[in-house]
């Protein structure tokens, strides 16, 4: 397994829409293993392909929580939210691609997600609580959406400017 570099805002790949996976092959399985290793090393609870420059619709999550006791290691290939509750919840979110910044974000409290495993098995899964939040966050990454997009324009612009300045200093 290989720990891959995590892209940081304002990297333009973070704003691109990832392509669907078409081959459930050894390369996909290796990438998923690398993604878990990278996520654990960061450390984080979720990671999407675009965050490591892999522009395919793949996300990994490892989050055991009380509301979803079976929410350990999850690899989602071509995930799609097929239903969401009208009820919302507000929770604190952070992101490995926007380090050291957290904000409260409002999202649907419960969702149903359809995805494939890296082996090509189709899964339909209901999620609530932290797992629902994490799944929505990672699926957003696959659509080029960051959690800061749910903030007020002022807060979002402040975060973006901070990371643009840091990127300029680093180059």
C-alpha atoms as a PDB file:
ATOM      1  CA  UNK A   1       0.000   0.000   0.000  1.00  0.00           C
ATOM      2  CA  UNK A   2       1.081   3.539  -0.760  1.00  0.00           C
ATOM      3  CA  UNK A   3       0.296   6.719   1.101  1.00  0.00           C
ATOM      4  CA  UNK A   4      -0.575   9.299  -1.538  1.00  0.00           C
ATOM      5  CA  UNK A   5      -0.315  13.080  -1.219  1.00  0.00           C
ATOM      6  CA  UNK A   6      -3.604  14.779  -0.350  1.00  0.00           C
ATOM      7  CA  UNK A   7      -4.479  17.767  -2.529  1.00  0.00           C
ATOM      8  CA  UNK A   8      -5.094  20.994  -0.627  1.00  0.00           C
ATOM      9  CA  UNK A   9      -7.395  23.888  -1.515  1.00  0.00           C
ATOM     10  CA  UNK A  10      -7.102  25.758  -3.961  1.00  0.00           C
ATOM     11  CA  UNK A  11      -5.990  22.775  -6.128  1.00  0.00           C
ATOM     12  CA  UNK A  12      -8.291  22.903  -9.198  1.00  0.00           C
ATOM     13  CA  UNK A  13      -8.790  19.105  -9.234  1.00  0.00           C
ATOM     14  CA  UNK A  14     -10.869  19.473  -6.060  1.00  0.00           C
ATOM     15  CA  UNK A  15     -13.471  21.366  -8.126  1.00  0.00           C
ATOM     16  CA  UNK A  16     -13.686  18.859 -10.996  1.00  0.00           C
ATOM     17  CA  UNK A  17     -16.407  16.224 -11.347  1.00  0.00           C
ATOM     18  CA  UNK A  18     -15.010  12.682 -11.120  1.00  0.00           C
ATOM     19  CA  UNK A  19     -15.700  10.145 -13.879  1.00  0.00           C
ATOM     20  CA  UNK A  20     -17.614   6.903 -13.214  1.00  0.00           C
ATOM     21  CA  UNK A  21     -15.554   3.769 -12.627  1.00  0.00           C
ATOM     22  CA  UNK A  22     -16.008   1.315 -15.485  1.00  0.00           C
ATOM     23  CA  UNK A  23     -13.523  -1.447 -14.594  1.00  0.00           C
ATOM     24  CA  UNK A  24     -13.645  -3.294 -11.302  1.00  0.00           C
ATOM     25  CA  UNK A  25     -10.074  -4.519 -11.663  1.00  0.00           C
ATOM     26  CA  UNK A  26      -6.869  -4.919  -9.656  1.00  0.00           C
ATOM     27  CA  UNK A  27      -5.969  -1.242 -10.224  1.00  0.00           C
ATOM     28  CA  UNK A  28      -9.232  -0.150  -8.596  1.00  0.00           C
ATOM     29  CA  UNK A  29      -8.679  -2.449  -5.596  1.00  0.00           C
ATOM     30  CA  UNK A  30      -5.087  -1.175  -5.198  1.00  0.00           C
ATOM     31  CA  UNK A  31      -6.276   2.444  -5.356  1.00  0.00           C
ATOM     32  CA  UNK A  32      -8.931   1.740  -2.698  1.00  0.00           C
ATOM     33  CA  UNK A  33      -6.268   0.170  -0.435  1.00  0.00           C
ATOM     34  CA  UNK A  34      -4.029   3.212  -0.983  1.00  0.00           C
ATOM     35  CA  UNK A  35      -6.951   5.517  -0.183  1.00  0.00           C
ATOM     36  CA  UNK A  36      -7.618   3.763   3.140  1.00  0.00           C
ATOM     37  CA  UNK A  37      -3.899   3.900   4.012  1.00  0.00           C
ATOM     38  CA  UNK A  38      -3.714   7.605   3.078  1.00  0.00           C
ATOM     39  CA  UNK A  39      -6.866   8.389   5.087  1.00  0.00           C
ATOM     40  CA  UNK A  40      -5.595   6.552   8.194  1.00  0.00           C
ATOM     41  CA  UNK A  41      -2.215   8.274   7.934  1.00  0.00           C
ATOM     42  CA  UNK A  42      -3.756  11.768   7.667  1.00  0.00           C
ATOM     43  CA  UNK A  43      -5.664  10.877  10.015  1.00  0.00           C
ATOM     44  CA  UNK A  44      -9.228  11.180   8.755  1.00  0.00           C
ATOM     45  CA  UNK A  45     -12.556   9.349   8.608  1.00  0.00           C
ATOM     46  CA  UNK A  46     -13.245   9.746   4.876  1.00  0.00           C
ATOM     47  CA  UNK A  47     -11.408  10.350   1.614  1.00  0.00           C
ATOM     48  CA  UNK A  48     -12.597  10.768  -1.973  1.00  0.00           C
ATOM     49  CA  UNK A  49     -10.623   9.992  -5.135  1.00  0.00           C
ATOM     50  CA  UNK A  50     -10.248  13.629  -6.267  1.00  0.00           C
ATOM     51  CA  UNK A  51      -8.510  14.443  -2.970  1.00  0.00           C
ATOM     52  CA  UNK A  52      -5.538  12.352  -4.136  1.00  0.00           C
ATOM     53  CA  UNK A  53      -5.853  13.333  -7.808  1.00  0.00           C
ATOM     54  CA  UNK A  54      -7.678  10.088  -8.724  1.00  0.00           C
ATOM     55  CA  UNK A  55     -10.518  11.456 -10.829  1.00  0.00           C
ATOM     56  CA  UNK A  56     -12.851   8.466 -10.537  1.00  0.00           C
ATOM     57  CA  UNK A  57     -16.025   8.160  -8.445  1.00  0.00           C
ATOM     58  CA  UNK A  58     -14.500   6.341  -5.479  1.00  0.00           C
ATOM     59  CA  UNK A  59     -14.679   7.228  -1.777  1.00  0.00           C
ATOM     60  CA  UNK A  60     -13.638   5.456   1.400  1.00  0.00           C
ATOM     61  CA  UNK A  61     -14.939   5.880   4.940  1.00  0.00           C
ATOM     62  CA  UNK A  62     -14.054   4.293   8.255  1.00  0.00           C
ATOM     63  CA  UNK A  63     -16.325   5.508  10.992  1.00  0.00           C
ATOM     64  CA  UNK A  64     -17.736   3.266  13.677  1.00  0.00           C
ATOM     65  CA  UNK A  65     -20.482   5.161  15.485  1.00  0.00           C
ATOM     66  CA  UNK A  66     -23.349   4.377  17.837  1.00  0.00           C
ATOM     67  CA  UNK A  67     -26.128   5.024  15.319  1.00  0.00           C
ATOM     68  CA  UNK A  68     -24.461   2.891  12.621  1.00  0.00           C
ATOM     69  CA  UNK A  69     -22.612   0.030  14.363  1.00  0.00           C
ATOM     70  CA  UNK A  70     -21.775  -1.545  10.982  1.00  0.00           C
ATOM     71  CA  UNK A  71     -20.127   1.665   9.737  1.00  0.00           C
ATOM     72  CA  UNK A  72     -16.525   0.492   9.888  1.00  0.00           C
ATOM     73  CA  UNK A  73     -14.530   0.233   6.668  1.00  0.00           C
ATOM     74  CA  UNK A  74     -16.684   1.241   3.652  1.00  0.00           C
ATOM     75  CA  UNK A  75     -15.480   1.622   0.057  1.00  0.00           C
ATOM     76  CA  UNK A  76     -18.028   3.219  -2.271  1.00  0.00           C
ATOM     77  CA  UNK A  77     -17.605   3.021  -6.040  1.00  0.00           C
ATOM     78  CA  UNK A  78     -19.933   5.156  -8.197  1.00  0.00           C
ATOM     79  CA  UNK A  79     -22.031   6.182  -5.171  1.00  0.00           C
ATOM     80  CA  UNK A  80     -25.319   7.959  -5.643  1.00  0.00           C
ATOM     81  CA  UNK A  81     -27.716   9.372  -3.052  1.00  0.00           C
ATOM     82  CA  UNK A  82     -31.116   7.999  -4.047  1.00  0.00           C
ATOM     83  CA  UNK A  83     -33.162   9.360  -1.135  1.00  0.00           C
ATOM     84  CA  UNK A  84     -32.755  11.899   1.648  1.00  0.00           C
ATOM     85  CA  UNK A  85     -34.870  12.970   4.590  1.00  0.00           C
ATOM     86  CA  UNK A  86     -36.570  16.343   4.815  1.00  0.00           C
ATOM     87  CA  UNK A  87     -35.244  16.535   8.357  1.00  0.00           C
ATOM     88  CA  UNK A  88     -31.823  18.149   8.572  1.00  0.00           C
ATOM     89  CA  UNK A  89     -29.048  18.149  11.117  1.00  0.00           C
ATOM     90  CA  UNK A  90     -26.205  20.545  11.790  1.00  0.00           C
ATOM     91  CA  UNK A  91     -22.805  19.119  12.583  1.00  0.00           C
ATOM     92  CA  UNK A  92     -19.194  20.229  12.650  1.00  0.00           C
ATOM     93  CA  UNK A  93     -17.274  19.272   9.514  1.00  0.00           C
ATOM     94  CA  UNK A  94     -13.656  19.435   8.538  1.00  0.00           C
ATOM     95  CA  UNK A  95     -11.772  18.178   5.501  1.00  0.00           C
ATOM     96  CA  UNK A  96      -8.329  16.718   4.826  1.00  0.00           C
ATOM     97  CA  UNK A  97      -8.096  19.031   1.787  1.00  0.00           C
ATOM     98  CA  UNK A  98      -8.899  22.084   3.945  1.00  0.00           C
ATOM     99  CA  UNK A  99      -6.778  21.306   7.012  1.00  0.00           C
ATOM    100  CA  UNK A 100      -7.246  22.850  10.451  1.00  0.00           C
ATOM    101  CA  UNK A 101     -10.586  24.515   9.591  1.00  0.00           C
ATOM    102  CA  UNK A 102     -13.973  23.312  10.877  1.00  0.00           C
ATOM    103  CA  UNK A 103     -17.436  24.772  10.476  1.00  0.00           C
ATOM    104  CA  UNK A 104     -21.012  23.769  11.255  1.00  0.00           C
ATOM    105  CA  UNK A 105     -22.824  22.522   8.140  1.00  0.00           C
ATOM    106  CA  UNK A 106     -26.503  21.677   7.695  1.00  0.00           C
ATOM    107  CA  UNK A 107     -27.317  18.509   5.728  1.00  0.00           C
ATOM    108  CA  UNK A 108     -30.142  15.956   5.459  1.00  0.00           C
ATOM    109  CA  UNK A 109     -30.209  13.836   8.636  1.00  0.00           C
ATOM    110  CA  UNK A 110     -30.830  10.525   6.846  1.00  0.00           C
ATOM    111  CA  UNK A 111     -29.958   9.308   3.360  1.00  0.00           C
ATOM    112  CA  UNK A 112     -30.107   6.205   1.205  1.00  0.00           C
ATOM    113  CA  UNK A 113     -27.038   5.580  -0.922  1.00  0.00           C
ATOM    114  CA  UNK A 114     -26.569   3.150  -3.778  1.00  0.00           C
ATOM    115  CA  UNK A 115     -23.000   2.167  -4.671  1.00  0.00           C
ATOM    116  CA  UNK A 116     -20.781  -0.703  -5.732  1.00  0.00           C
ATOM    117  CA  UNK A 117     -18.044  -2.392  -3.740  1.00  0.00           C
ATOM    118  CA  UNK A 118     -14.574  -2.570  -5.364  1.00  0.00           C
ATOM    119  CA  UNK A 119     -15.519  -6.152  -6.298  1.00  0.00           C
ATOM    120  CA  UNK A 120     -18.539  -4.900  -8.272  1.00  0.00           C
ATOM    121  CA  UNK A 121     -21.267  -5.900  -5.805  1.00  0.00           C
ATOM    122  CA  UNK A 122     -24.188  -3.454  -5.715  1.00  0.00           C
ATOM    123  CA  UNK A 123     -25.160  -2.118  -2.276  1.00  0.00           C
ATOM    124  CA  UNK A 124     -28.129  -0.012  -1.175  1.00  0.00           C
ATOM    125  CA  UNK A 125     -27.595   1.380   2.294  1.00  0.00           C
ATOM    126  CA  UNK A 126     -29.470   3.676   4.627  1.00  0.00           C
ATOM    127  CA  UNK A 127     -27.438   5.957   6.858  1.00  0.00           C
ATOM    128  CA  UNK A 128     -28.118   8.492   9.590  1.00  0.00           C
ATOM    129  CA  UNK A 129     -26.076  10.594  11.968  1.00  0.00           C
ATOM    130  CA  UNK A 130     -22.332  10.915  11.402  1.00  0.00           C
ATOM    131  CA  UNK A 131     -22.280   8.224   8.710  1.00  0.00           C
ATOM    132  CA  UNK A 132     -24.910  10.096   6.651  1.00  0.00           C
ATOM    133  CA  UNK A 133     -22.910  13.324   7.047  1.00  0.00           C
ATOM    134  CA  UNK A 134     -19.646  11.649   6.065  1.00  0.00           C
ATOM    135  CA  UNK A 135     -21.185   9.910   3.034  1.00  0.00           C
ATOM    136  CA  UNK A 136     -22.682  13.188   1.796  1.00  0.00           C
ATOM    137  CA  UNK A 137     -19.354  14.985   2.335  1.00  0.00           C
ATOM    138  CA  UNK A 138     -17.409  12.374   0.323  1.00  0.00           C
ATOM    139  CA  UNK A 139     -20.002  12.146  -2.466  1.00  0.00           C
ATOM    140  CA  UNK A 140     -19.892  15.955  -2.726  1.00  0.00           C
ATOM    141  CA  UNK A 141     -16.134  15.681  -3.375  1.00  0.00           C
ATOM    142  CA  UNK A 142     -16.900  13.451  -6.376  1.00  0.00           C
ATOM    143  CA  UNK A 143     -19.045  16.287  -7.768  1.00  0.00           C
ATOM    144  CA  UNK A 144     -16.422  18.992  -7.185  1.00  0.00           C
ATOM    145  CA  UNK A 145     -18.307  20.353  -4.157  1.00  0.00           C
ATOM    146  CA  UNK A 146     -16.535  21.203  -0.890  1.00  0.00           C
ATOM    147  CA  UNK A 147     -18.184  21.522   2.512  1.00  0.00           C
ATOM    148  CA  UNK A 148     -17.270  25.228   2.573  1.00  0.00           C
ATOM    149  CA  UNK A 149     -19.742  25.680  -0.305  1.00  0.00           C
ATOM    150  CA  UNK A 150     -22.521  25.312   2.298  1.00  0.00           C
ATOM    151  CA  UNK A 151     -21.206  28.287   4.297  1.00  0.00           C
ATOM    152  CA  UNK A 152     -22.093  31.929   3.861  1.00  0.00           C
ATOM    153  CA  UNK A 153     -20.273  33.620   1.009  1.00  0.00           C
ATOM    154  CA  UNK A 154     -18.227  35.702   3.474  1.00  0.00           C
ATOM    155  CA  UNK A 155     -16.973  32.663   5.426  1.00  0.00           C
ATOM    156  CA  UNK A 156     -16.298  30.660   2.246  1.00  0.00           C
ATOM    157  CA  UNK A 157     -14.363  33.535   0.627  1.00  0.00           C
ATOM    158  CA  UNK A 158     -12.282  33.966   3.796  1.00  0.00           C
ATOM    159  CA  UNK A 159     -11.288  30.279   3.763  1.00  0.00           C
ATOM    160  CA  UNK A 160     -10.477  30.320   0.038  1.00  0.00           C
ATOM    161  CA  UNK A 161      -8.341  33.475   0.363  1.00  0.00           C
ATOM    162  CA  UNK A 162      -6.440  31.976   3.293  1.00  0.00           C
ATOM    163  CA  UNK A 163      -5.526  28.877   1.275  1.00  0.00           C
ATOM    164  CA  UNK A 164      -4.724  30.866  -1.868  1.00  0.00           C
ATOM    165  CA  UNK A 165      -2.248  32.965   0.137  1.00  0.00           C
ATOM    166  CA  UNK A 166      -0.694  29.841   1.659  1.00  0.00           C
ATOM    167  CA  UNK A 167      -0.334  28.278  -1.813  1.00  0.00           C
ATOM    168  CA  UNK A 168       1.387  31.426  -3.122  1.00  0.00           C
ATOM    169  CA  UNK A 169       3.811  31.455  -0.188  1.00  0.00           C
ATOM    170  CA  UNK A 170       4.596  27.760  -0.759  1.00  0.00           C
ATOM    171  CA  UNK A 171       5.390  28.208  -4.456  1.00  0.00           C
END
